[in-house]
Amino acid sequence: MLLPYLLLGAILFVLGLIGFVTRRNLIIMFLCTEMMFQGIILNLVAFGRYPLKGAPTFDGQVFALFLIAVAAAEAALALALVVLLYRYQGTLDANAYRMLKDE
């Protein structure tokens, strides 16, 4: 019963990684980061529900809640950076960060 959850989590993570590497729009990149987080959270909860040894524990759910808090903080900082970049450059292209460094 553990394998479908692990496969779905791996698929989410890989799709997020591919999207993060191939796209240059900052909003899409941050959404892909959130998709990778969701794949990790799904795997954590699945390992907590179906442990390799012993009875199910809440360890996976506790780590998942911690990761959700980290993802929320990351999303808030990312939104602030995206708004700041859009104000200075007028674009959401990730290459605009290089222009900010030169100025």
PDB file of N, CA and C in Angstrom:
ATOM      1  N   MET A   1       0.802  -1.209   0.000  1.00  0.00           N
ATOM      2  CA  MET A   1       0.000   0.000   0.000  1.00  0.00           C
ATOM      3  C   MET A   1       0.841   1.268   0.000  1.00  0.00           C
ATOM      4  N   LEU A   2       2.096   1.169   0.360  1.00  0.00           N
ATOM      5  CA  LEU A   2       2.961   2.347   0.424  1.00  0.00           C
ATOM      6  C   LEU A   2       3.407   2.803  -0.961  1.00  0.00           C
ATOM      7  N   LEU A   3       3.575   1.870  -1.878  1.00  0.00           N
ATOM      8  CA  LEU A   3       4.149   2.181  -3.188  1.00  0.00           C
ATOM      9  C   LEU A   3       3.358   3.226  -3.985  1.00  0.00           C
ATOM     10  N   PRO A   4       2.028   3.189  -4.054  1.00  0.00           N
ATOM     11  CA  PRO A   4       1.332   4.244  -4.824  1.00  0.00           C
ATOM     12  C   PRO A   4       1.572   5.650  -4.288  1.00  0.00           C
ATOM     13  N   TYR A   5       1.650   5.789  -2.961  1.00  0.00           N
ATOM     14  CA  TYR A   5       1.910   7.101  -2.392  1.00  0.00           C
ATOM     15  C   TYR A   5       3.319   7.582  -2.736  1.00  0.00           C
ATOM     16  N   LEU A   6       4.268   6.669  -2.672  1.00  0.00           N
ATOM     17  CA  LEU A   6       5.644   7.045  -3.008  1.00  0.00           C
ATOM     18  C   LEU A   6       5.785   7.407  -4.478  1.00  0.00           C
ATOM     19  N   LEU A   7       5.107   6.670  -5.344  1.00  0.00           N
ATOM     20  CA  LEU A   7       5.161   6.992  -6.771  1.00  0.00           C
ATOM     21  C   LEU A   7       4.527   8.347  -7.062  1.00  0.00           C
ATOM     22  N   LEU A   8       3.382   8.608  -6.440  1.00  0.00           N
ATOM     23  CA  LEU A   8       2.733   9.903  -6.658  1.00  0.00           C
ATOM     24  C   LEU A   8       3.595  11.047  -6.123  1.00  0.00           C
ATOM     25  N   GLY A   9       4.202  10.856  -4.954  1.00  0.00           N
ATOM     26  CA  GLY A   9       5.095  11.872  -4.410  1.00  0.00           C
ATOM     27  C   GLY A   9       6.307  12.099  -5.297  1.00  0.00           C
ATOM     28  N   ALA A  10       6.857  11.012  -5.835  1.00  0.00           N
ATOM     29  CA  ALA A  10       8.007  11.142  -6.735  1.00  0.00           C
ATOM     30  C   ALA A  10       7.619  11.838  -8.034  1.00  0.00           C
ATOM     31  N   ILE A  11       6.440  11.545  -8.552  1.00  0.00           N
ATOM     32  CA  ILE A  11       5.973  12.196  -9.782  1.00  0.00           C
ATOM     33  C   ILE A  11       5.791  13.690  -9.548  1.00  0.00           C
ATOM     34  N   LEU A  12       5.179  14.053  -8.415  1.00  0.00           N
ATOM     35  CA  LEU A  12       5.018  15.475  -8.096  1.00  0.00           C
ATOM     36  C   LEU A  12       6.368  16.179  -7.983  1.00  0.00           C
ATOM     37  N   PHE A  13       7.301  15.529  -7.315  1.00  0.00           N
ATOM     38  CA  PHE A  13       8.615  16.137  -7.143  1.00  0.00           C
ATOM     39  C   PHE A  13       9.333  16.303  -8.479  1.00  0.00           C
ATOM     40  N   VAL A  14       9.301  15.288  -9.317  1.00  0.00           N
ATOM     41  CA  VAL A  14      10.000  15.360 -10.602  1.00  0.00           C
ATOM     42  C   VAL A  14       9.355  16.392 -11.519  1.00  0.00           C
ATOM     43  N   LEU A  15       8.018  16.454 -11.545  1.00  0.00           N
ATOM     44  CA  LEU A  15       7.357  17.469 -12.365  1.00  0.00           C
ATOM     45  C   LEU A  15       7.706  18.880 -11.878  1.00  0.00           C
ATOM     46  N   GLY A  16       7.750  19.058 -10.566  1.00  0.00           N
ATOM     47  CA  GLY A  16       8.154  20.357 -10.025  1.00  0.00           C
ATOM     48  C   GLY A  16       9.586  20.696 -10.362  1.00  0.00           C
ATOM     49  N   LEU A  17      10.469  19.710 -10.297  1.00  0.00           N
ATOM     50  CA  LEU A  17      11.874  19.940 -10.620  1.00  0.00           C
ATOM     51  C   LEU A  17      12.052  20.287 -12.094  1.00  0.00           C
ATOM     52  N   ILE A  18      11.357  19.577 -12.960  1.00  0.00           N
ATOM     53  CA  ILE A  18      11.441  19.879 -14.395  1.00  0.00           C
ATOM     54  C   ILE A  18      10.923  21.281 -14.672  1.00  0.00           C
ATOM     55  N   GLY A  19       9.796  21.639 -14.077  1.00  0.00           N
ATOM     56  CA  GLY A  19       9.245  22.975 -14.269  1.00  0.00           C
ATOM     57  C   GLY A  19      10.164  24.054 -13.738  1.00  0.00           C
ATOM     58  N   PHE A  20      10.809  23.804 -12.596  1.00  0.00           N
ATOM     59  CA  PHE A  20      11.714  24.789 -12.013  1.00  0.00           C
ATOM     60  C   PHE A  20      12.935  25.011 -12.895  1.00  0.00           C
ATOM     61  N   VAL A  21      13.453  23.950 -13.470  1.00  0.00           N
ATOM     62  CA  VAL A  21      14.673  24.056 -14.270  1.00  0.00           C
ATOM     63  C   VAL A  21      14.396  24.656 -15.645  1.00  0.00           C
ATOM     64  N   THR A  22      13.225  24.357 -16.222  1.00  0.00           N
ATOM     65  CA  THR A  22      12.984  24.758 -17.603  1.00  0.00           C
ATOM     66  C   THR A  22      12.322  26.124 -17.749  1.00  0.00           C
ATOM     67  N   ARG A  23      11.635  26.621 -16.745  1.00  0.00           N
ATOM     68  CA  ARG A  23      10.909  27.890 -16.869  1.00  0.00           C
ATOM     69  C   ARG A  23      11.737  29.052 -16.356  1.00  0.00           C
ATOM     70  N   ARG A  24      11.490  30.233 -16.917  1.00  0.00           N
ATOM     71  CA  ARG A  24      12.207  31.431 -16.487  1.00  0.00           C
ATOM     72  C   ARG A  24      11.283  32.417 -15.780  1.00  0.00           C
ATOM     73  N   ASN A  25       9.991  32.196 -15.786  1.00  0.00           N
ATOM     74  CA  ASN A  25       9.051  33.069 -15.101  1.00  0.00           C
ATOM     75  C   ASN A  25       9.119  32.771 -13.606  1.00  0.00           C
ATOM     76  N   LEU A  26       9.293  33.804 -12.795  1.00  0.00           N
ATOM     77  CA  LEU A  26       9.482  33.602 -11.357  1.00  0.00           C
ATOM     78  C   LEU A  26       8.256  33.015 -10.679  1.00  0.00           C
ATOM     79  N   ILE A  27       7.064  33.407 -11.107  1.00  0.00           N
ATOM     80  CA  ILE A  27       5.847  32.852 -10.508  1.00  0.00           C
ATOM     81  C   ILE A  27       5.778  31.352 -10.762  1.00  0.00           C
ATOM     82  N   ILE A  28       6.062  30.921 -11.972  1.00  0.00           N
ATOM     83  CA  ILE A  28       6.042  29.498 -12.309  1.00  0.00           C
ATOM     84  C   ILE A  28       7.125  28.755 -11.526  1.00  0.00           C
ATOM     85  N   MET A  29       8.275  29.376 -11.366  1.00  0.00           N
ATOM     86  CA  MET A  29       9.351  28.724 -10.619  1.00  0.00           C
ATOM     87  C   MET A  29       8.955  28.504  -9.162  1.00  0.00           C
ATOM     88  N   PHE A  30       8.310  29.484  -8.548  1.00  0.00           N
ATOM     89  CA  PHE A  30       7.895  29.314  -7.157  1.00  0.00           C
ATOM     90  C   PHE A  30       6.750  28.313  -7.034  1.00  0.00           C
ATOM     91  N   LEU A  31       5.856  28.276  -8.011  1.00  0.00           N
ATOM     92  CA  LEU A  31       4.801  27.259  -7.992  1.00  0.00           C
ATOM     93  C   LEU A  31       5.396  25.859  -8.131  1.00  0.00           C
ATOM     94  N   CYS A  32       6.425  25.728  -8.938  1.00  0.00           N
ATOM     95  CA  CYS A  32       7.090  24.428  -9.074  1.00  0.00           C
ATOM     96  C   CYS A  32       7.804  24.039  -7.781  1.00  0.00           C
ATOM     97  N   THR A  33       8.352  25.019  -7.075  1.00  0.00           N
ATOM     98  CA  THR A  33       8.950  24.736  -5.767  1.00  0.00           C
ATOM     99  C   THR A  33       7.895  24.224  -4.797  1.00  0.00           C
ATOM    100  N   GLU A  34       6.716  24.827  -4.819  1.00  0.00           N
ATOM    101  CA  GLU A  34       5.628  24.362  -3.955  1.00  0.00           C
ATOM    102  C   GLU A  34       5.183  22.956  -4.344  1.00  0.00           C
ATOM    103  N   MET A  35       5.211  22.643  -5.624  1.00  0.00           N
ATOM    104  CA  MET A  35       4.857  21.297  -6.057  1.00  0.00           C
ATOM    105  C   MET A  35       5.874  20.272  -5.548  1.00  0.00           C
ATOM    106  N   MET A  36       7.146  20.650  -5.537  1.00  0.00           N
ATOM    107  CA  MET A  36       8.162  19.747  -4.982  1.00  0.00           C
ATOM    108  C   MET A  36       7.934  19.548  -3.485  1.00  0.00           C
ATOM    109  N   PHE A  37       7.579  20.626  -2.779  1.00  0.00           N
ATOM    110  CA  PHE A  37       7.263  20.493  -1.354  1.00  0.00           C
ATOM    111  C   PHE A  37       6.088  19.539  -1.141  1.00  0.00           C
ATOM    112  N   GLN A  38       5.074  19.631  -1.993  1.00  0.00           N
ATOM    113  CA  GLN A  38       3.906  18.762  -1.828  1.00  0.00           C
ATOM    114  C   GLN A  38       4.269  17.296  -2.058  1.00  0.00           C
ATOM    115  N   GLY A  39       5.156  17.022  -2.984  1.00  0.00           N
ATOM    116  CA  GLY A  39       5.622  15.648  -3.179  1.00  0.00           C
ATOM    117  C   GLY A  39       6.357  15.121  -1.959  1.00  0.00           C
ATOM    118  N   ILE A  40       7.172  15.958  -1.351  1.00  0.00           N
ATOM    119  CA  ILE A  40       7.899  15.559  -0.142  1.00  0.00           C
ATOM    120  C   ILE A  40       6.932  15.336   1.014  1.00  0.00           C
ATOM    121  N   ILE A  41       5.956  16.240   1.153  1.00  0.00           N
ATOM    122  CA  ILE A  41       4.977  16.101   2.234  1.00  0.00           C
ATOM    123  C   ILE A  41       4.174  14.822   2.073  1.00  0.00           C
ATOM    124  N   LEU A  42       3.790  14.503   0.861  1.00  0.00           N
ATOM    125  CA  LEU A  42       3.047  13.261   0.626  1.00  0.00           C
ATOM    126  C   LEU A  42       3.868  12.044   1.025  1.00  0.00           C
ATOM    127  N   ASN A  43       5.137  12.040   0.707  1.00  0.00           N
ATOM    128  CA  ASN A  43       6.001  10.922   1.103  1.00  0.00           C
ATOM    129  C   ASN A  43       6.172  10.851   2.618  1.00  0.00           C
ATOM    130  N   LEU A  44       6.311  11.992   3.281  1.00  0.00           N
ATOM    131  CA  LEU A  44       6.442  11.994   4.733  1.00  0.00           C
ATOM    132  C   LEU A  44       5.203  11.421   5.414  1.00  0.00           C
ATOM    133  N   VAL A  45       4.036  11.839   4.957  1.00  0.00           N
ATOM    134  CA  VAL A  45       2.800  11.339   5.545  1.00  0.00           C
ATOM    135  C   VAL A  45       2.630   9.856   5.254  1.00  0.00           C
ATOM    136  N   ALA A  46       2.994   9.432   4.060  1.00  0.00           N
ATOM    137  CA  ALA A  46       2.882   8.005   3.714  1.00  0.00           C
ATOM    138  C   ALA A  46       3.815   7.158   4.571  1.00  0.00           C
ATOM    139  N   PHE A  47       5.039   7.621   4.808  1.00  0.00           N
ATOM    140  CA  PHE A  47       5.955   6.862   5.661  1.00  0.00           C
ATOM    141  C   PHE A  47       5.484   6.857   7.111  1.00  0.00           C
ATOM    142  N   GLY A  48       4.797   7.911   7.533  1.00  0.00           N
ATOM    143  CA  GLY A  48       4.244   7.910   8.877  1.00  0.00           C
ATOM    144  C   GLY A  48       3.077   6.946   9.009  1.00  0.00           C
ATOM    145  N   ARG A  49       2.282   6.843   7.955  1.00  0.00           N
ATOM    146  CA  ARG A  49       1.107   5.959   7.997  1.00  0.00           C
ATOM    147  C   ARG A  49       1.494   4.505   7.796  1.00  0.00           C
ATOM    148  N   TYR A  50       2.434   4.241   6.919  1.00  0.00           N
ATOM    149  CA  TYR A  50       2.888   2.880   6.622  1.00  0.00           C
ATOM    150  C   TYR A  50       4.380   2.772   6.931  1.00  0.00           C
ATOM    151  N   PRO A  51       4.751   2.667   8.193  1.00  0.00           N
ATOM    152  CA  PRO A  51       6.184   2.593   8.521  1.00  0.00           C
ATOM    153  C   PRO A  51       6.780   1.270   8.060  1.00  0.00           C
ATOM    154  N   LEU A  52       8.088   1.256   7.884  1.00  0.00           N
ATOM    155  CA  LEU A  52       8.756   0.038   7.453  1.00  0.00           C
ATOM    156  C   LEU A  52       8.774  -1.007   8.557  1.00  0.00           C
ATOM    157  N   LYS A  53       8.823  -0.568   9.803  1.00  0.00           N
ATOM    158  CA  LYS A  53       8.784  -1.482  10.947  1.00  0.00           C
ATOM    159  C   LYS A  53       7.874  -0.904  12.012  1.00  0.00           C
ATOM    160  N   GLY A  54       7.158  -1.736  12.711  1.00  0.00           N
ATOM    161  CA  GLY A  54       6.387  -1.299  13.863  1.00  0.00           C
ATOM    162  C   GLY A  54       5.049  -0.703  13.502  1.00  0.00           C
ATOM    163  N   ALA A  55       4.460  -0.061  14.495  1.00  0.00           N
ATOM    164  CA  ALA A  55       3.132   0.525  14.349  1.00  0.00           C
ATOM    165  C   ALA A  55       3.232   1.912  13.722  1.00  0.00           C
ATOM    166  N   PRO A  56       2.135   2.368  13.101  1.00  0.00           N
ATOM    167  CA  PRO A  56       2.128   3.731  12.537  1.00  0.00           C
ATOM    168  C   PRO A  56       2.371   4.780  13.612  1.00  0.00           C
ATOM    169  N   THR A  57       3.106   5.803  13.256  1.00  0.00           N
ATOM    170  CA  THR A  57       3.411   6.894  14.178  1.00  0.00           C
ATOM    171  C   THR A  57       2.981   8.214  13.551  1.00  0.00           C
ATOM    172  N   PHE A  58       3.084   9.267  14.339  1.00  0.00           N
ATOM    173  CA  PHE A  58       2.751  10.600  13.842  1.00  0.00           C
ATOM    174  C   PHE A  58       3.991  11.382  13.435  1.00  0.00           C
ATOM    175  N   ASP A  59       5.117  10.733  13.337  1.00  0.00           N
ATOM    176  CA  ASP A  59       6.353  11.430  12.982  1.00  0.00           C
ATOM    177  C   ASP A  59       6.268  12.074  11.605  1.00  0.00           C
ATOM    178  N   GLY A  60       5.726  11.346  10.641  1.00  0.00           N
ATOM    179  CA  GLY A  60       5.611  11.891   9.288  1.00  0.00           C
ATOM    180  C   GLY A  60       4.704  13.101   9.231  1.00  0.00           C
ATOM    181  N   GLN A  61       3.600  13.052   9.971  1.00  0.00           N
ATOM    182  CA  GLN A  61       2.681  14.187   9.986  1.00  0.00           C
ATOM    183  C   GLN A  61       3.308  15.403  10.662  1.00  0.00           C
ATOM    184  N   VAL A  62       4.089  15.178  11.705  1.00  0.00           N
ATOM    185  CA  VAL A  62       4.752  16.294  12.390  1.00  0.00           C
ATOM    186  C   VAL A  62       5.765  16.960  11.463  1.00  0.00           C
ATOM    187  N   PHE A  63       6.562  16.159  10.775  1.00  0.00           N
ATOM    188  CA  PHE A  63       7.521  16.723   9.819  1.00  0.00           C
ATOM    189  C   PHE A  63       6.801  17.418   8.668  1.00  0.00           C
ATOM    190  N   ALA A  64       5.654  16.870   8.245  1.00  0.00           N
ATOM    191  CA  ALA A  64       4.885  17.488   7.169  1.00  0.00           C
ATOM    192  C   ALA A  64       4.359  18.856   7.600  1.00  0.00           C
ATOM    193  N   LEU A  65       3.871  18.971   8.824  1.00  0.00           N
ATOM    194  CA  LEU A  65       3.407  20.270   9.315  1.00  0.00           C
ATOM    195  C   LEU A  65       4.553  21.278   9.385  1.00  0.00           C
ATOM    196  N   PHE A  66       5.715  20.829   9.811  1.00  0.00           N
ATOM    197  CA  PHE A  66       6.883  21.712   9.835  1.00  0.00           C
ATOM    198  C   PHE A  66       7.237  22.176   8.423  1.00  0.00           C
ATOM    199  N   LEU A  67       7.180  21.268   7.465  1.00  0.00           N
ATOM    200  CA  LEU A  67       7.499  21.626   6.083  1.00  0.00           C
ATOM    201  C   LEU A  67       6.454  22.560   5.500  1.00  0.00           C
ATOM    202  N   ILE A  68       5.197  22.416   5.889  1.00  0.00           N
ATOM    203  CA  ILE A  68       4.161  23.343   5.434  1.00  0.00           C
ATOM    204  C   ILE A  68       4.443  24.748   5.961  1.00  0.00           C
ATOM    205  N   ALA A  69       4.884  24.843   7.214  1.00  0.00           N
ATOM    206  CA  ALA A  69       5.230  26.152   7.780  1.00  0.00           C
ATOM    207  C   ALA A  69       6.416  26.767   7.041  1.00  0.00           C
ATOM    208  N   VAL A  70       7.412  25.959   6.713  1.00  0.00           N
ATOM    209  CA  VAL A  70       8.563  26.451   5.957  1.00  0.00           C
ATOM    210  C   VAL A  70       8.138  26.902   4.563  1.00  0.00           C
ATOM    211  N   ALA A  71       7.250  26.148   3.924  1.00  0.00           N
ATOM    212  CA  ALA A  71       6.767  26.508   2.592  1.00  0.00           C
ATOM    213  C   ALA A  71       5.969  27.807   2.626  1.00  0.00           C
ATOM    214  N   ALA A  72       5.206  28.033   3.686  1.00  0.00           N
ATOM    215  CA  ALA A  72       4.442  29.277   3.796  1.00  0.00           C
ATOM    216  C   ALA A  72       5.383  30.471   3.950  1.00  0.00           C
ATOM    217  N   ALA A  73       6.422  30.318   4.745  1.00  0.00           N
ATOM    218  CA  ALA A  73       7.402  31.393   4.905  1.00  0.00           C
ATOM    219  C   ALA A  73       8.137  31.655   3.591  1.00  0.00           C
ATOM    220  N   GLU A  74       8.479  30.598   2.894  1.00  0.00           N
ATOM    221  CA  GLU A  74       9.157  30.732   1.601  1.00  0.00           C
ATOM    222  C   GLU A  74       8.258  31.430   0.592  1.00  0.00           C
ATOM    223  N   ALA A  75       6.973  31.112   0.596  1.00  0.00           N
ATOM    224  CA  ALA A  75       6.044  31.744  -0.341  1.00  0.00           C
ATOM    225  C   ALA A  75       5.896  33.235  -0.045  1.00  0.00           C
ATOM    226  N   ALA A  76       5.879  33.609   1.227  1.00  0.00           N
ATOM    227  CA  ALA A  76       5.771  35.028   1.578  1.00  0.00           C
ATOM    228  C   ALA A  76       7.003  35.804   1.119  1.00  0.00           C
ATOM    229  N   LEU A  77       8.181  35.244   1.349  1.00  0.00           N
ATOM    230  CA  LEU A  77       9.413  35.911   0.896  1.00  0.00           C
ATOM    231  C   LEU A  77       9.484  35.963  -0.627  1.00  0.00           C
ATOM    232  N   ALA A  78       9.065  34.889  -1.271  1.00  0.00           N
ATOM    233  CA  ALA A  78       9.104  34.851  -2.732  1.00  0.00           C
ATOM    234  C   ALA A  78       8.174  35.890  -3.331  1.00  0.00           C
ATOM    235  N   LEU A  79       6.995  36.040  -2.757  1.00  0.00           N
ATOM    236  CA  LEU A  79       6.062  37.045  -3.269  1.00  0.00           C
ATOM    237  C   LEU A  79       6.632  38.449  -3.106  1.00  0.00           C
ATOM    238  N   ALA A  80       7.263  38.701  -1.979  1.00  0.00           N
ATOM    239  CA  ALA A  80       7.881  40.012  -1.777  1.00  0.00           C
ATOM    240  C   ALA A  80       8.984  40.264  -2.795  1.00  0.00           C
ATOM    241  N   LEU A  81       9.803  39.258  -3.063  1.00  0.00           N
ATOM    242  CA  LEU A  81      10.870  39.423  -4.054  1.00  0.00           C
ATOM    243  C   LEU A  81      10.312  39.608  -5.459  1.00  0.00           C
ATOM    244  N   VAL A  82       9.254  38.897  -5.797  1.00  0.00           N
ATOM    245  CA  VAL A  82       8.653  39.030  -7.126  1.00  0.00           C
ATOM    246  C   VAL A  82       8.084  40.429  -7.307  1.00  0.00           C
ATOM    247  N   VAL A  83       7.401  40.952  -6.297  1.00  0.00           N
ATOM    248  CA  VAL A  83       6.845  42.308  -6.394  1.00  0.00           C
ATOM    249  C   VAL A  83       7.964  43.330  -6.530  1.00  0.00           C
ATOM    250  N   LEU A  84       9.025  43.158  -5.758  1.00  0.00           N
ATOM    251  CA  LEU A  84      10.154  44.079  -5.840  1.00  0.00           C
ATOM    252  C   LEU A  84      10.820  44.032  -7.211  1.00  0.00           C
ATOM    253  N   LEU A  85      11.026  42.840  -7.732  1.00  0.00           N
ATOM    254  CA  LEU A  85      11.640  42.718  -9.058  1.00  0.00           C
ATOM    255  C   LEU A  85      10.746  43.311 -10.133  1.00  0.00           C
ATOM    256  N   TYR A  86       9.454  43.105 -10.034  1.00  0.00           N
ATOM    257  CA  TYR A  86       8.548  43.651 -11.038  1.00  0.00           C
ATOM    258  C   TYR A  86       8.528  45.182 -10.989  1.00  0.00           C
ATOM    259  N   ARG A  87       8.655  45.750  -9.802  1.00  0.00           N
ATOM    260  CA  ARG A  87       8.692  47.212  -9.694  1.00  0.00           C
ATOM    261  C   ARG A  87       9.940  47.793 -10.342  1.00  0.00           C
ATOM    262  N   TYR A  88      11.082  47.136 -10.156  1.00  0.00           N
ATOM    263  CA  TYR A  88      12.341  47.663 -10.702  1.00  0.00           C
ATOM    264  C   TYR A  88      12.515  47.363 -12.185  1.00  0.00           C
ATOM    265  N   GLN A  89      12.144  46.162 -12.612  1.00  0.00           N
ATOM    266  CA  GLN A  89      12.438  45.761 -13.985  1.00  0.00           C
ATOM    267  C   GLN A  89      11.217  45.734 -14.895  1.00  0.00           C
ATOM    268  N   GLY A  90      10.019  45.609 -14.350  1.00  0.00           N
ATOM    269  CA  GLY A  90       8.822  45.541 -15.185  1.00  0.00           C
ATOM    270  C   GLY A  90       8.636  44.189 -15.845  1.00  0.00           C
ATOM    271  N   THR A  91       9.336  43.179 -15.365  1.00  0.00           N
ATOM    272  CA  THR A  91       9.225  41.840 -15.925  1.00  0.00           C
ATOM    273  C   THR A  91       9.378  40.820 -14.806  1.00  0.00           C
ATOM    274  N   LEU A  92       8.947  39.596 -15.072  1.00  0.00           N
ATOM    275  CA  LEU A  92       9.110  38.514 -14.107  1.00  0.00           C
ATOM    276  C   LEU A  92      10.117  37.479 -14.597  1.00  0.00           C
ATOM    277  N   ASP A  93      10.956  37.864 -15.532  1.00  0.00           N
ATOM    278  CA  ASP A  93      11.976  36.968 -16.049  1.00  0.00           C
ATOM    279  C   ASP A  93      13.099  36.825 -15.021  1.00  0.00           C
ATOM    280  N   ALA A  94      13.537  35.599 -14.791  1.00  0.00           N
ATOM    281  CA  ALA A  94      14.568  35.347 -13.786  1.00  0.00           C
ATOM    282  C   ALA A  94      15.909  35.962 -14.175  1.00  0.00           C
ATOM    283  N   ASN A  95      16.135  36.188 -15.447  1.00  0.00           N
ATOM    284  CA  ASN A  95      17.397  36.794 -15.878  1.00  0.00           C
ATOM    285  C   ASN A  95      17.488  38.267 -15.479  1.00  0.00           C
ATOM    286  N   ALA A  96      16.390  38.877 -15.086  1.00  0.00           N
ATOM    287  CA  ALA A  96      16.410  40.279 -14.670  1.00  0.00           C
ATOM    288  C   ALA A  96      17.186  40.451 -13.373  1.00  0.00           C
ATOM    289  N   TYR A  97      17.336  39.400 -12.594  1.00  0.00           N
ATOM    290  CA  TYR A  97      18.147  39.487 -11.382  1.00  0.00           C
ATOM    291  C   TYR A  97      19.593  39.817 -11.718  1.00  0.00           C
ATOM    292  N   ARG A  98      20.089  39.317 -12.807  1.00  0.00           N
ATOM    293  CA  ARG A  98      21.471  39.624 -13.211  1.00  0.00           C
ATOM    294  C   ARG A  98      21.616  41.110 -13.517  1.00  0.00           C
ATOM    295  N   MET A  99      20.574  41.696 -14.107  1.00  0.00           N
ATOM    296  CA  MET A  99      20.628  43.132 -14.406  1.00  0.00           C
ATOM    297  C   MET A  99      20.648  43.954 -13.127  1.00  0.00           C
ATOM    298  N   LEU A 100      19.918  43.515 -12.091  1.00  0.00           N
ATOM    299  CA  LEU A 100      19.911  44.234 -10.825  1.00  0.00           C
ATOM    300  C   LEU A 100      21.281  44.212 -10.171  1.00  0.00           C
ATOM    301  N   LYS A 101      22.008  43.118 -10.351  1.00  0.00           N
ATOM    302  CA  LYS A 101      23.331  43.007  -9.738  1.00  0.00           C
ATOM    303  C   LYS A 101      24.310  43.982 -10.379  1.00  0.00           C
ATOM    304  N   ASP A 102      24.153  44.242 -11.678  1.00  0.00           N
ATOM    305  CA  ASP A 102      25.063  45.125 -12.387  1.00  0.00           C
ATOM    306  C   ASP A 102      24.802  46.600 -12.089  1.00  0.00           C
ATOM    307  N   GLU A 103      23.584  46.922 -11.674  1.00  0.00           N
ATOM    308  CA  GLU A 103      23.245  48.340 -11.458  1.00  0.00           C
ATOM    309  C   GLU A 103      23.747  48.867 -10.161  1.00  0.00           C
TER     310      GLU A 103
END
